[in-house]
Amino acid sequence: MFVEELPDETTAEVTVSNTEQAVTEILAETLGPAPALITDSNRELIREFLAGYRLSPTDFSAYKNSPRKFFFERILNLPSEPSPYLVFGNAVHAAMKQAVLTARSGEVPTWQDVVDIFTDVIRNGRLDEHETGYLLSTGEKRLRPFFESEVSGITGSSMVEYSFREHKLKVNDVPLTGKIDRFDYADQSKTSGTVIDYKTGNPTSLTGKISIRKRSGDYVDQLKFYQLLLENSPLKLKVNEAVIKYVDPGSDGRFVSFRFSFSADEIEAFAQEVQDVYQRILRLEFDDPGNMKDAWYSDFPVPI
């Protein structure tokens, strides 16, 4: 039977706007809000986990962007498939670390010194055959020009891939950890210098990552976090400058760097923001989805 065949008394005209409103109300009533993540059955278990938790730069940004996603990915540690983007980034970091280690032995780093490390990381990245092949064929073409533009400034005295986990440091009673890509000392006294963070991807797509005017964004926050780590750890290294270096060139073919010198007031304000985020984590405030998009667990019950 078609709509046209229904008796008049069983039909009624409904405007489109009313229909849309009715559907919205029905869906809201049927689906309801996402279930609360913290319940009486899991609260103490999560608090036990957080007893030894240390906040890192990536965790700080992850929580700010989506407390709910942070909970699933950082607290529950849900497994995820390795991504080509992540594997390429790991390969770049390993290659640039090898360049410094080669310089430390008294030799000038060459492309051959780093390419084997780069390809090994990609081959061991647990990607499928197609993704591995693609990264191997395009990755070297992406990294080599950057390496050759950087090699003259690489010295063996630089600190590379330095982890702060063993220091067990705290700032404003917040346990912190993290790892810096590279720190170049300003002089032989080794008391100050420049922290460098390598980034892959499009250096012109900066939304949410770098705001020059506001001196904010996820990547800028990471630099501030590194300064907190360096200046408050037993190393007591003064950060004169913090630099983001993009491995991929801009649209004009030139390599792009973003340089910041943060004032004491900026770092103090950031330390307060770090403390606020940490306190929210301790209060188990994870329900806010933030900017979570299309995650399968965005409205999924907690599996514990």
C-alpha atoms as a PDB file:
ATOM      1  CA  MET A   1       0.000   0.000   0.000  1.00  0.00           C
ATOM      2  CA  PHE A   2       1.273   3.505  -0.866  1.00  0.00           C
ATOM      3  CA  VAL A   3       0.765   6.659   1.173  1.00  0.00           C
ATOM      4  CA  GLU A   4      -1.663   7.942  -1.461  1.00  0.00           C
ATOM      5  CA  GLU A   5      -3.912   4.910  -0.848  1.00  0.00           C
ATOM      6  CA  LEU A   6      -4.347   5.537   2.890  1.00  0.00           C
ATOM      7  CA  PRO A   7      -7.767   6.808   4.092  1.00  0.00           C
ATOM      8  CA  ASP A   8      -7.926  10.546   4.745  1.00  0.00           C
ATOM      9  CA  GLU A   9      -8.647  10.064   8.450  1.00  0.00           C
ATOM     10  CA  THR A  10      -5.301   8.252   8.922  1.00  0.00           C
ATOM     11  CA  THR A  11      -3.132  10.926   7.358  1.00  0.00           C
ATOM     12  CA  ALA A  12      -2.174  14.452   8.246  1.00  0.00           C
ATOM     13  CA  GLU A  13      -0.025  17.127   6.736  1.00  0.00           C
ATOM     14  CA  VAL A  14       3.179  17.805   8.657  1.00  0.00           C
ATOM     15  CA  THR A  15       5.636  20.548   7.796  1.00  0.00           C
ATOM     16  CA  VAL A  16       9.272  19.635   7.259  1.00  0.00           C
ATOM     17  CA  SER A  17      10.450  21.794  10.128  1.00  0.00           C
ATOM     18  CA  ASN A  18       8.058  20.067  12.555  1.00  0.00           C
ATOM     19  CA  THR A  19       9.195  16.683  11.302  1.00  0.00           C
ATOM     20  CA  GLU A  20      12.845  17.529  11.865  1.00  0.00           C
ATOM     21  CA  GLN A  21      12.078  18.746  15.371  1.00  0.00           C
ATOM     22  CA  ALA A  22      10.095  15.608  16.166  1.00  0.00           C
ATOM     23  CA  VAL A  23      12.876  13.340  14.894  1.00  0.00           C
ATOM     24  CA  THR A  24      15.446  15.248  16.943  1.00  0.00           C
ATOM     25  CA  GLU A  25      13.347  14.877  20.100  1.00  0.00           C
ATOM     26  CA  ILE A  26      12.782  11.161  19.496  1.00  0.00           C
ATOM     27  CA  LEU A  27      16.484  10.504  18.904  1.00  0.00           C
ATOM     28  CA  ALA A  28      17.468  12.479  21.984  1.00  0.00           C
ATOM     29  CA  GLU A  29      14.975  10.541  24.101  1.00  0.00           C
ATOM     30  CA  THR A  30      15.965   7.182  22.607  1.00  0.00           C
ATOM     31  CA  LEU A  31      19.729   7.552  22.600  1.00  0.00           C
ATOM     32  CA  GLY A  32      20.124   9.788  25.615  1.00  0.00           C
ATOM     33  CA  PRO A  33      23.474  11.188  26.704  1.00  0.00           C
ATOM     34  CA  ALA A  34      26.631   9.112  26.659  1.00  0.00           C
ATOM     35  CA  PRO A  35      26.813   6.999  29.828  1.00  0.00           C
ATOM     36  CA  ALA A  36      28.951   8.293  32.672  1.00  0.00           C
ATOM     37  CA  LEU A  37      32.433   6.817  32.586  1.00  0.00           C
ATOM     38  CA  ILE A  38      33.048   6.753  36.330  1.00  0.00           C
ATOM     39  CA  THR A  39      30.772   4.513  38.372  1.00  0.00           C
ATOM     40  CA  ASP A  40      30.808   3.035  41.865  1.00  0.00           C
ATOM     41  CA  SER A  41      32.173  -0.203  40.410  1.00  0.00           C
ATOM     42  CA  ASN A  42      35.265   1.288  38.749  1.00  0.00           C
ATOM     43  CA  ARG A  43      36.058   4.452  40.719  1.00  0.00           C
ATOM     44  CA  GLU A  44      38.561   2.924  43.149  1.00  0.00           C
ATOM     45  CA  LEU A  45      40.268   0.886  40.420  1.00  0.00           C
ATOM     46  CA  ILE A  46      40.884   4.015  38.364  1.00  0.00           C
ATOM     47  CA  ARG A  47      42.142   5.910  41.405  1.00  0.00           C
ATOM     48  CA  GLU A  48      44.633   3.117  42.077  1.00  0.00           C
ATOM     49  CA  PHE A  49      45.932   3.478  38.530  1.00  0.00           C
ATOM     50  CA  LEU A  50      46.272   7.247  38.899  1.00  0.00           C
ATOM     51  CA  ALA A  51      48.274   6.865  42.115  1.00  0.00           C
ATOM     52  CA  GLY A  52      51.399   6.367  40.009  1.00  0.00           C
ATOM     53  CA  TYR A  53      50.382   8.515  37.063  1.00  0.00           C
ATOM     54  CA  ARG A  54      52.744  11.138  35.628  1.00  0.00           C
ATOM     55  CA  LEU A  55      51.502  13.795  33.217  1.00  0.00           C
ATOM     56  CA  SER A  56      53.327  14.054  29.881  1.00  0.00           C
ATOM     57  CA  PRO A  57      53.162  16.711  27.138  1.00  0.00           C
ATOM     58  CA  THR A  58      51.064  14.509  24.842  1.00  0.00           C
ATOM     59  CA  ASP A  59      48.716  13.505  27.670  1.00  0.00           C
ATOM     60  CA  PHE A  60      48.259  17.155  28.612  1.00  0.00           C
ATOM     61  CA  SER A  61      47.152  18.037  25.078  1.00  0.00           C
ATOM     62  CA  ALA A  62      45.055  14.883  24.769  1.00  0.00           C
ATOM     63  CA  TYR A  63      43.069  15.718  27.903  1.00  0.00           C
ATOM     64  CA  LYS A  64      42.543  19.344  26.883  1.00  0.00           C
ATOM     65  CA  ASN A  65      41.187  18.246  23.505  1.00  0.00           C
ATOM     66  CA  SER A  66      38.908  15.464  24.765  1.00  0.00           C
ATOM     67  CA  PRO A  67      38.734  14.235  28.377  1.00  0.00           C
ATOM     68  CA  ARG A  68      36.599  11.288  27.267  1.00  0.00           C
ATOM     69  CA  LYS A  69      39.001  10.201  24.538  1.00  0.00           C
ATOM     70  CA  PHE A  70      41.872  10.664  26.998  1.00  0.00           C
ATOM     71  CA  PHE A  71      40.164   8.252  29.379  1.00  0.00           C
ATOM     72  CA  PHE A  72      39.788   5.484  26.810  1.00  0.00           C
ATOM     73  CA  GLU A  73      43.177   5.893  25.173  1.00  0.00           C
ATOM     74  CA  ARG A  74      45.409   6.927  28.094  1.00  0.00           C
ATOM     75  CA  ILE A  75      43.748   5.433  31.172  1.00  0.00           C
ATOM     76  CA  LEU A  76      42.245   2.244  29.722  1.00  0.00           C
ATOM     77  CA  ASN A  77      44.986   2.008  27.074  1.00  0.00           C
ATOM     78  CA  LEU A  78      42.667   0.645  24.420  1.00  0.00           C
ATOM     79  CA  PRO A  79      44.732  -1.005  21.670  1.00  0.00           C
ATOM     80  CA  SER A  80      44.936   0.805  18.362  1.00  0.00           C
ATOM     81  CA  GLU A  81      46.279  -0.035  14.943  1.00  0.00           C
ATOM     82  CA  PRO A  82      49.692   1.469  14.124  1.00  0.00           C
ATOM     83  CA  SER A  83      49.351   4.389  11.733  1.00  0.00           C
ATOM     84  CA  PRO A  84      51.717   5.267   8.866  1.00  0.00           C
ATOM     85  CA  TYR A  85      51.874   8.815  10.245  1.00  0.00           C
ATOM     86  CA  LEU A  86      53.129   7.575  13.628  1.00  0.00           C
ATOM     87  CA  VAL A  87      55.584   5.068  12.135  1.00  0.00           C
ATOM     88  CA  PHE A  88      57.063   7.711   9.834  1.00  0.00           C
ATOM     89  CA  GLY A  89      57.456  10.073  12.781  1.00  0.00           C
ATOM     90  CA  ASN A  90      59.232   7.395  14.810  1.00  0.00           C
ATOM     91  CA  ALA A  91      61.551   6.666  11.876  1.00  0.00           C
ATOM     92  CA  VAL A  92      62.410  10.359  11.504  1.00  0.00           C
ATOM     93  CA  HIS A  93      63.239  10.681  15.207  1.00  0.00           C
ATOM     94  CA  ALA A  94      65.418   7.557  15.124  1.00  0.00           C
ATOM     95  CA  ALA A  95      67.286   8.809  12.055  1.00  0.00           C
ATOM     96  CA  MET A  96      67.938  12.272  13.487  1.00  0.00           C
ATOM     97  CA  LYS A  97      69.106  10.718  16.751  1.00  0.00           C
ATOM     98  CA  GLN A  98      71.568   8.574  14.809  1.00  0.00           C
ATOM     99  CA  ALA A  99      72.916  11.706  13.124  1.00  0.00           C
ATOM    100  CA  VAL A 100      73.836  13.170  16.523  1.00  0.00           C
ATOM    101  CA  LEU A 101      75.368   9.880  17.685  1.00  0.00           C
ATOM    102  CA  THR A 102      77.503   9.771  14.542  1.00  0.00           C
ATOM    103  CA  ALA A 103      78.658  13.349  15.168  1.00  0.00           C
ATOM    104  CA  ARG A 104      79.429  12.383  18.761  1.00  0.00           C
ATOM    105  CA  SER A 105      81.952   9.838  17.468  1.00  0.00           C
ATOM    106  CA  GLY A 106      83.818  12.638  15.701  1.00  0.00           C
ATOM    107  CA  GLU A 107      82.486  12.046  12.201  1.00  0.00           C
ATOM    108  CA  VAL A 108      80.304  14.214   9.985  1.00  0.00           C
ATOM    109  CA  PRO A 109      76.931  12.433   9.653  1.00  0.00           C
ATOM    110  CA  THR A 110      76.064  11.250   6.142  1.00  0.00           C
ATOM    111  CA  TRP A 111      72.783  10.098   4.657  1.00  0.00           C
ATOM    112  CA  GLN A 112      74.074   6.534   4.662  1.00  0.00           C
ATOM    113  CA  ASP A 113      74.632   6.780   8.426  1.00  0.00           C
ATOM    114  CA  VAL A 114      70.935   7.369   9.053  1.00  0.00           C
ATOM    115  CA  VAL A 115      69.017   5.731   6.197  1.00  0.00           C
ATOM    116  CA  ASP A 116      69.420   2.170   7.508  1.00  0.00           C
ATOM    117  CA  ILE A 117      67.988   3.150  10.894  1.00  0.00           C
ATOM    118  CA  PHE A 118      65.161   4.978   9.147  1.00  0.00           C
ATOM    119  CA  THR A 119      64.179   1.986   6.990  1.00  0.00           C
ATOM    120  CA  ASP A 120      64.507  -0.493   9.883  1.00  0.00           C
ATOM    121  CA  VAL A 121      61.980   1.445  11.960  1.00  0.00           C
ATOM    122  CA  ILE A 122      59.533   1.511   9.054  1.00  0.00           C
ATOM    123  CA  ARG A 123      59.943  -2.220   8.334  1.00  0.00           C
ATOM    124  CA  ASN A 124      59.324  -3.015  12.007  1.00  0.00           C
ATOM    125  CA  GLY A 125      56.347  -0.669  12.281  1.00  0.00           C
ATOM    126  CA  ARG A 126      53.678  -3.422  12.081  1.00  0.00           C
ATOM    127  CA  LEU A 127      52.058  -1.798   9.048  1.00  0.00           C
ATOM    128  CA  ASP A 128      50.581  -3.823   6.227  1.00  0.00           C
ATOM    129  CA  GLU A 129      52.665  -4.550   3.138  1.00  0.00           C
ATOM    130  CA  HIS A 130      51.164  -1.714   1.097  1.00  0.00           C
ATOM    131  CA  GLU A 131      51.674   0.922   3.812  1.00  0.00           C
ATOM    132  CA  THR A 132      55.226  -0.261   4.483  1.00  0.00           C
ATOM    133  CA  GLY A 133      56.090  -0.147   0.794  1.00  0.00           C
ATOM    134  CA  TYR A 134      54.599   3.306   0.419  1.00  0.00           C
ATOM    135  CA  LEU A 135      56.565   4.721   3.352  1.00  0.00           C
ATOM    136  CA  LEU A 136      59.789   3.146   2.130  1.00  0.00           C
ATOM    137  CA  SER A 137      59.330   4.580  -1.362  1.00  0.00           C
ATOM    138  CA  THR A 138      58.271   8.070  -0.286  1.00  0.00           C
ATOM    139  CA  GLY A 139      59.793   8.397   3.177  1.00  0.00           C
ATOM    140  CA  GLU A 140      63.399   8.671   2.059  1.00  0.00           C
ATOM    141  CA  LYS A 141      62.438  11.349  -0.467  1.00  0.00           C
ATOM    142  CA  ARG A 142      60.792  13.297   2.354  1.00  0.00           C
ATOM    143  CA  LEU A 143      63.515  12.917   4.970  1.00  0.00           C
ATOM    144  CA  ARG A 144      66.696  13.221   2.918  1.00  0.00           C
ATOM    145  CA  PRO A 145      66.296  16.896   1.902  1.00  0.00           C
ATOM    146  CA  PHE A 146      65.542  17.821   5.520  1.00  0.00           C
ATOM    147  CA  PHE A 147      68.531  15.844   6.792  1.00  0.00           C
ATOM    148  CA  GLU A 148      70.856  17.516   4.303  1.00  0.00           C
ATOM    149  CA  SER A 149      69.560  20.950   5.304  1.00  0.00           C
ATOM    150  CA  GLU A 150      70.178  20.158   8.994  1.00  0.00           C
ATOM    151  CA  VAL A 151      73.437  18.228   8.964  1.00  0.00           C
ATOM    152  CA  SER A 152      75.728  21.263   9.168  1.00  0.00           C
ATOM    153  CA  GLY A 153      74.113  22.296  12.461  1.00  0.00           C
ATOM    154  CA  ILE A 154      74.236  18.857  14.102  1.00  0.00           C
ATOM    155  CA  THR A 155      76.838  18.460  16.837  1.00  0.00           C
ATOM    156  CA  GLY A 156      77.749  15.527  19.010  1.00  0.00           C
ATOM    157  CA  SER A 157      77.319  17.579  22.175  1.00  0.00           C
ATOM    158  CA  SER A 158      73.547  17.817  21.686  1.00  0.00           C
ATOM    159  CA  MET A 159      71.265  15.890  24.011  1.00  0.00           C
ATOM    160  CA  VAL A 160      68.896  13.657  22.000  1.00  0.00           C
ATOM    161  CA  GLU A 161      65.762  11.658  22.828  1.00  0.00           C
ATOM    162  CA  TYR A 162      66.245  12.485  26.497  1.00  0.00           C
ATOM    163  CA  SER A 163      63.658  10.992  28.850  1.00  0.00           C
ATOM    164  CA  PHE A 164      62.769  12.589  32.185  1.00  0.00           C
ATOM    165  CA  ARG A 165      61.036   9.506  33.588  1.00  0.00           C
ATOM    166  CA  GLU A 166      63.882   8.604  35.944  1.00  0.00           C
ATOM    167  CA  HIS A 167      63.934  12.054  37.535  1.00  0.00           C
ATOM    168  CA  LYS A 168      60.477  11.689  39.100  1.00  0.00           C
ATOM    169  CA  LEU A 169      60.176  15.466  39.086  1.00  0.00           C
ATOM    170  CA  LYS A 170      57.213  17.527  40.249  1.00  0.00           C
ATOM    171  CA  VAL A 171      56.113  21.074  39.455  1.00  0.00           C
ATOM    172  CA  ASN A 172      53.396  22.534  41.703  1.00  0.00           C
ATOM    173  CA  ASP A 173      53.003  18.999  43.141  1.00  0.00           C
ATOM    174  CA  VAL A 174      52.210  17.639  39.671  1.00  0.00           C
ATOM    175  CA  PRO A 175      54.276  14.559  38.713  1.00  0.00           C
ATOM    176  CA  LEU A 176      55.682  15.191  35.226  1.00  0.00           C
ATOM    177  CA  THR A 177      57.442  13.140  32.596  1.00  0.00           C
ATOM    178  CA  GLY A 178      58.292  13.418  28.920  1.00  0.00           C
ATOM    179  CA  LYS A 179      60.994  13.088  26.297  1.00  0.00           C
ATOM    180  CA  ILE A 180      62.648  15.828  24.258  1.00  0.00           C
ATOM    181  CA  ASP A 181      63.836  15.318  20.688  1.00  0.00           C
ATOM    182  CA  ARG A 182      66.972  17.427  20.936  1.00  0.00           C
ATOM    183  CA  PHE A 183      68.644  20.046  23.110  1.00  0.00           C
ATOM    184  CA  ASP A 184      71.511  22.116  21.700  1.00  0.00           C
ATOM    185  CA  TYR A 185      73.724  23.682  24.368  1.00  0.00           C
ATOM    186  CA  ALA A 186      74.454  27.385  23.958  1.00  0.00           C
ATOM    187  CA  ASP A 187      78.129  27.005  24.907  1.00  0.00           C
ATOM    188  CA  GLN A 188      80.620  24.738  26.636  1.00  0.00           C
ATOM    189  CA  SER A 189      79.250  25.572  30.086  1.00  0.00           C
ATOM    190  CA  LYS A 190      76.195  23.444  29.196  1.00  0.00           C
ATOM    191  CA  THR A 191      73.879  25.476  31.396  1.00  0.00           C
ATOM    192  CA  SER A 192      71.461  26.753  28.748  1.00  0.00           C
ATOM    193  CA  GLY A 193      70.439  26.239  25.159  1.00  0.00           C
ATOM    194  CA  THR A 194      67.704  25.528  22.637  1.00  0.00           C
ATOM    195  CA  VAL A 195      65.124  22.751  22.776  1.00  0.00           C
ATOM    196  CA  ILE A 196      64.114  21.397  19.351  1.00  0.00           C
ATOM    197  CA  ASP A 197      61.010  19.411  18.468  1.00  0.00           C
ATOM    198  CA  TYR A 198      60.676  17.677  15.080  1.00  0.00           C
ATOM    199  CA  LYS A 199      57.275  17.564  13.415  1.00  0.00           C
ATOM    200  CA  THR A 200      56.032  15.812  10.286  1.00  0.00           C
ATOM    201  CA  GLY A 201      53.082  16.826   8.159  1.00  0.00           C
ATOM    202  CA  ASN A 202      51.983  19.973   6.386  1.00  0.00           C
ATOM    203  CA  PRO A 203      53.648  23.055   7.955  1.00  0.00           C
ATOM    204  CA  THR A 204      50.901  25.303   6.594  1.00  0.00           C
ATOM    205  CA  SER A 205      48.091  23.389   8.333  1.00  0.00           C
ATOM    206  CA  LEU A 206      48.478  24.839  11.811  1.00  0.00           C
ATOM    207  CA  THR A 207      44.941  25.089  13.175  1.00  0.00           C
ATOM    208  CA  GLY A 208      44.936  23.955  16.795  1.00  0.00           C
ATOM    209  CA  LYS A 209      48.687  23.291  16.677  1.00  0.00           C
ATOM    210  CA  ILE A 210      50.486  26.612  16.435  1.00  0.00           C
ATOM    211  CA  SER A 211      49.160  30.132  16.883  1.00  0.00           C
ATOM    212  CA  ILE A 212      51.946  32.670  16.504  1.00  0.00           C
ATOM    213  CA  ARG A 213      49.771  35.565  17.663  1.00  0.00           C
ATOM    214  CA  LYS A 214      48.344  33.814  20.727  1.00  0.00           C
ATOM    215  CA  ARG A 215      51.539  31.823  21.365  1.00  0.00           C
ATOM    216  CA  SER A 216      49.381  28.780  21.963  1.00  0.00           C
ATOM    217  CA  GLY A 217      48.244  25.490  20.422  1.00  0.00           C
ATOM    218  CA  ASP A 218      49.097  21.834  21.027  1.00  0.00           C
ATOM    219  CA  TYR A 219      52.618  22.082  19.596  1.00  0.00           C
ATOM    220  CA  VAL A 220      53.370  25.326  21.441  1.00  0.00           C
ATOM    221  CA  ASP A 221      52.094  23.779  24.677  1.00  0.00           C
ATOM    222  CA  GLN A 222      54.529  20.915  24.139  1.00  0.00           C
ATOM    223  CA  LEU A 223      57.417  23.376  23.922  1.00  0.00           C
ATOM    224  CA  LYS A 224      56.322  25.049  27.159  1.00  0.00           C
ATOM    225  CA  PHE A 225      56.052  21.629  28.789  1.00  0.00           C
ATOM    226  CA  TYR A 226      59.602  20.777  27.688  1.00  0.00           C
ATOM    227  CA  GLN A 227      60.804  24.015  29.248  1.00  0.00           C
ATOM    228  CA  LEU A 228      59.128  23.041  32.525  1.00  0.00           C
ATOM    229  CA  LEU A 229      60.901  19.683  32.410  1.00  0.00           C
ATOM    230  CA  LEU A 230      64.336  21.066  31.545  1.00  0.00           C
ATOM    231  CA  GLU A 231      64.315  23.932  34.031  1.00  0.00           C
ATOM    232  CA  ASN A 232      62.808  22.012  36.968  1.00  0.00           C
ATOM    233  CA  SER A 233      64.658  18.710  36.632  1.00  0.00           C
ATOM    234  CA  PRO A 234      68.047  18.078  38.299  1.00  0.00           C
ATOM    235  CA  LEU A 235      69.577  19.162  34.957  1.00  0.00           C
ATOM    236  CA  LYS A 236      68.535  22.776  35.720  1.00  0.00           C
ATOM    237  CA  LEU A 237      68.976  23.787  32.081  1.00  0.00           C
ATOM    238  CA  LYS A 238      67.792  27.254  31.101  1.00  0.00           C
ATOM    239  CA  VAL A 239      65.828  27.282  27.856  1.00  0.00           C
ATOM    240  CA  ASN A 240      66.810  30.300  25.772  1.00  0.00           C
ATOM    241  CA  GLU A 241      64.683  29.302  22.807  1.00  0.00           C
ATOM    242  CA  ALA A 242      62.204  26.575  21.868  1.00  0.00           C
ATOM    243  CA  VAL A 243      61.943  25.563  18.208  1.00  0.00           C
ATOM    244  CA  ILE A 244      59.557  23.473  16.122  1.00  0.00           C
ATOM    245  CA  LYS A 245      61.201  22.144  12.945  1.00  0.00           C
ATOM    246  CA  TYR A 246      59.019  20.668  10.216  1.00  0.00           C
ATOM    247  CA  VAL A 247      60.526  17.778   8.263  1.00  0.00           C
ATOM    248  CA  ASP A 248      58.260  18.441   5.283  1.00  0.00           C
ATOM    249  CA  PRO A 249      58.768  21.716   3.369  1.00  0.00           C
ATOM    250  CA  GLY A 250      56.163  24.406   2.880  1.00  0.00           C
ATOM    251  CA  SER A 251      54.396  25.191  -0.377  1.00  0.00           C
ATOM    252  CA  ASP A 252      57.407  27.225  -1.542  1.00  0.00           C
ATOM    253  CA  GLY A 253      59.764  24.274  -1.043  1.00  0.00           C
ATOM    254  CA  ARG A 254      61.498  25.822   1.957  1.00  0.00           C
ATOM    255  CA  PHE A 255      61.771  24.154   5.335  1.00  0.00           C
ATOM    256  CA  VAL A 256      59.752  25.814   8.066  1.00  0.00           C
ATOM    257  CA  SER A 257      60.709  26.460  11.686  1.00  0.00           C
ATOM    258  CA  PHE A 258      58.764  28.212  14.437  1.00  0.00           C
ATOM    259  CA  ARG A 259      60.828  29.819  17.191  1.00  0.00           C
ATOM    260  CA  PHE A 260      59.622  30.909  20.618  1.00  0.00           C
ATOM    261  CA  SER A 261      61.232  32.495  23.654  1.00  0.00           C
ATOM    262  CA  PHE A 262      58.848  32.211  26.584  1.00  0.00           C
ATOM    263  CA  SER A 263      58.901  34.671  29.462  1.00  0.00           C
ATOM    264  CA  ALA A 264      58.914  33.573  33.096  1.00  0.00           C
ATOM    265  CA  ASP A 265      55.317  34.800  33.392  1.00  0.00           C
ATOM    266  CA  GLU A 266      54.245  32.675  30.414  1.00  0.00           C
ATOM    267  CA  ILE A 267      55.827  29.561  31.884  1.00  0.00           C
ATOM    268  CA  GLU A 268      54.319  30.271  35.306  1.00  0.00           C
ATOM    269  CA  ALA A 269      50.847  30.645  33.768  1.00  0.00           C
ATOM    270  CA  PHE A 270      51.355  27.447  31.803  1.00  0.00           C
ATOM    271  CA  ALA A 271      52.457  25.577  34.939  1.00  0.00           C
ATOM    272  CA  GLN A 272      49.160  26.629  36.535  1.00  0.00           C
ATOM    273  CA  GLU A 273      47.272  25.282  33.525  1.00  0.00           C
ATOM    274  CA  VAL A 274      49.151  21.989  33.837  1.00  0.00           C
ATOM    275  CA  GLN A 275      48.184  21.825  37.509  1.00  0.00           C
ATOM    276  CA  ASP A 276      44.528  22.491  36.657  1.00  0.00           C
ATOM    277  CA  VAL A 277      44.471  19.665  34.096  1.00  0.00           C
ATOM    278  CA  TYR A 278      46.146  17.274  36.533  1.00  0.00           C
ATOM    279  CA  GLN A 279      43.614  18.104  39.264  1.00  0.00           C
ATOM    280  CA  ARG A 280      40.733  17.462  36.853  1.00  0.00           C
ATOM    281  CA  ILE A 281      42.247  14.081  36.030  1.00  0.00           C
ATOM    282  CA  LEU A 282      42.527  13.245  39.742  1.00  0.00           C
ATOM    283  CA  ARG A 283      38.885  14.266  40.179  1.00  0.00           C
ATOM    284  CA  LEU A 284      38.047  11.730  37.453  1.00  0.00           C
ATOM    285  CA  GLU A 285      36.462  14.321  35.163  1.00  0.00           C
ATOM    286  CA  PHE A 286      36.346  12.335  31.936  1.00  0.00           C
ATOM    287  CA  ASP A 287      32.782  12.600  30.617  1.00  0.00           C
ATOM    288  CA  ASP A 288      33.287  15.651  28.386  1.00  0.00           C
ATOM    289  CA  PRO A 289      33.782  14.411  24.763  1.00  0.00           C
ATOM    290  CA  GLY A 290      35.529  17.651  23.752  1.00  0.00           C
ATOM    291  CA  ASN A 291      36.480  17.562  20.097  1.00  0.00           C
ATOM    292  CA  MET A 292      36.164  13.776  19.808  1.00  0.00           C
ATOM    293  CA  LYS A 293      35.067  12.853  16.294  1.00  0.00           C
ATOM    294  CA  ASP A 294      33.778   9.497  15.061  1.00  0.00           C
ATOM    295  CA  ALA A 295      35.467   7.391  17.730  1.00  0.00           C
ATOM    296  CA  TRP A 296      33.612   4.108  18.142  1.00  0.00           C
ATOM    297  CA  TYR A 297      33.690   4.519  21.915  1.00  0.00           C
ATOM    298  CA  SER A 298      32.352   8.095  21.961  1.00  0.00           C
ATOM    299  CA  ASP A 299      29.124   6.863  23.595  1.00  0.00           C
ATOM    300  CA  PHE A 300      30.260   3.367  24.555  1.00  0.00           C
ATOM    301  CA  PRO A 301      29.966   2.040  28.136  1.00  0.00           C
ATOM    302  CA  VAL A 302      33.178   1.562  30.054  1.00  0.00           C
ATOM    303  CA  PRO A 303      34.289  -2.094  29.678  1.00  0.00           C
ATOM    304  CA  ILE A 304      35.192  -2.545  33.352  1.00  0.00           C
END
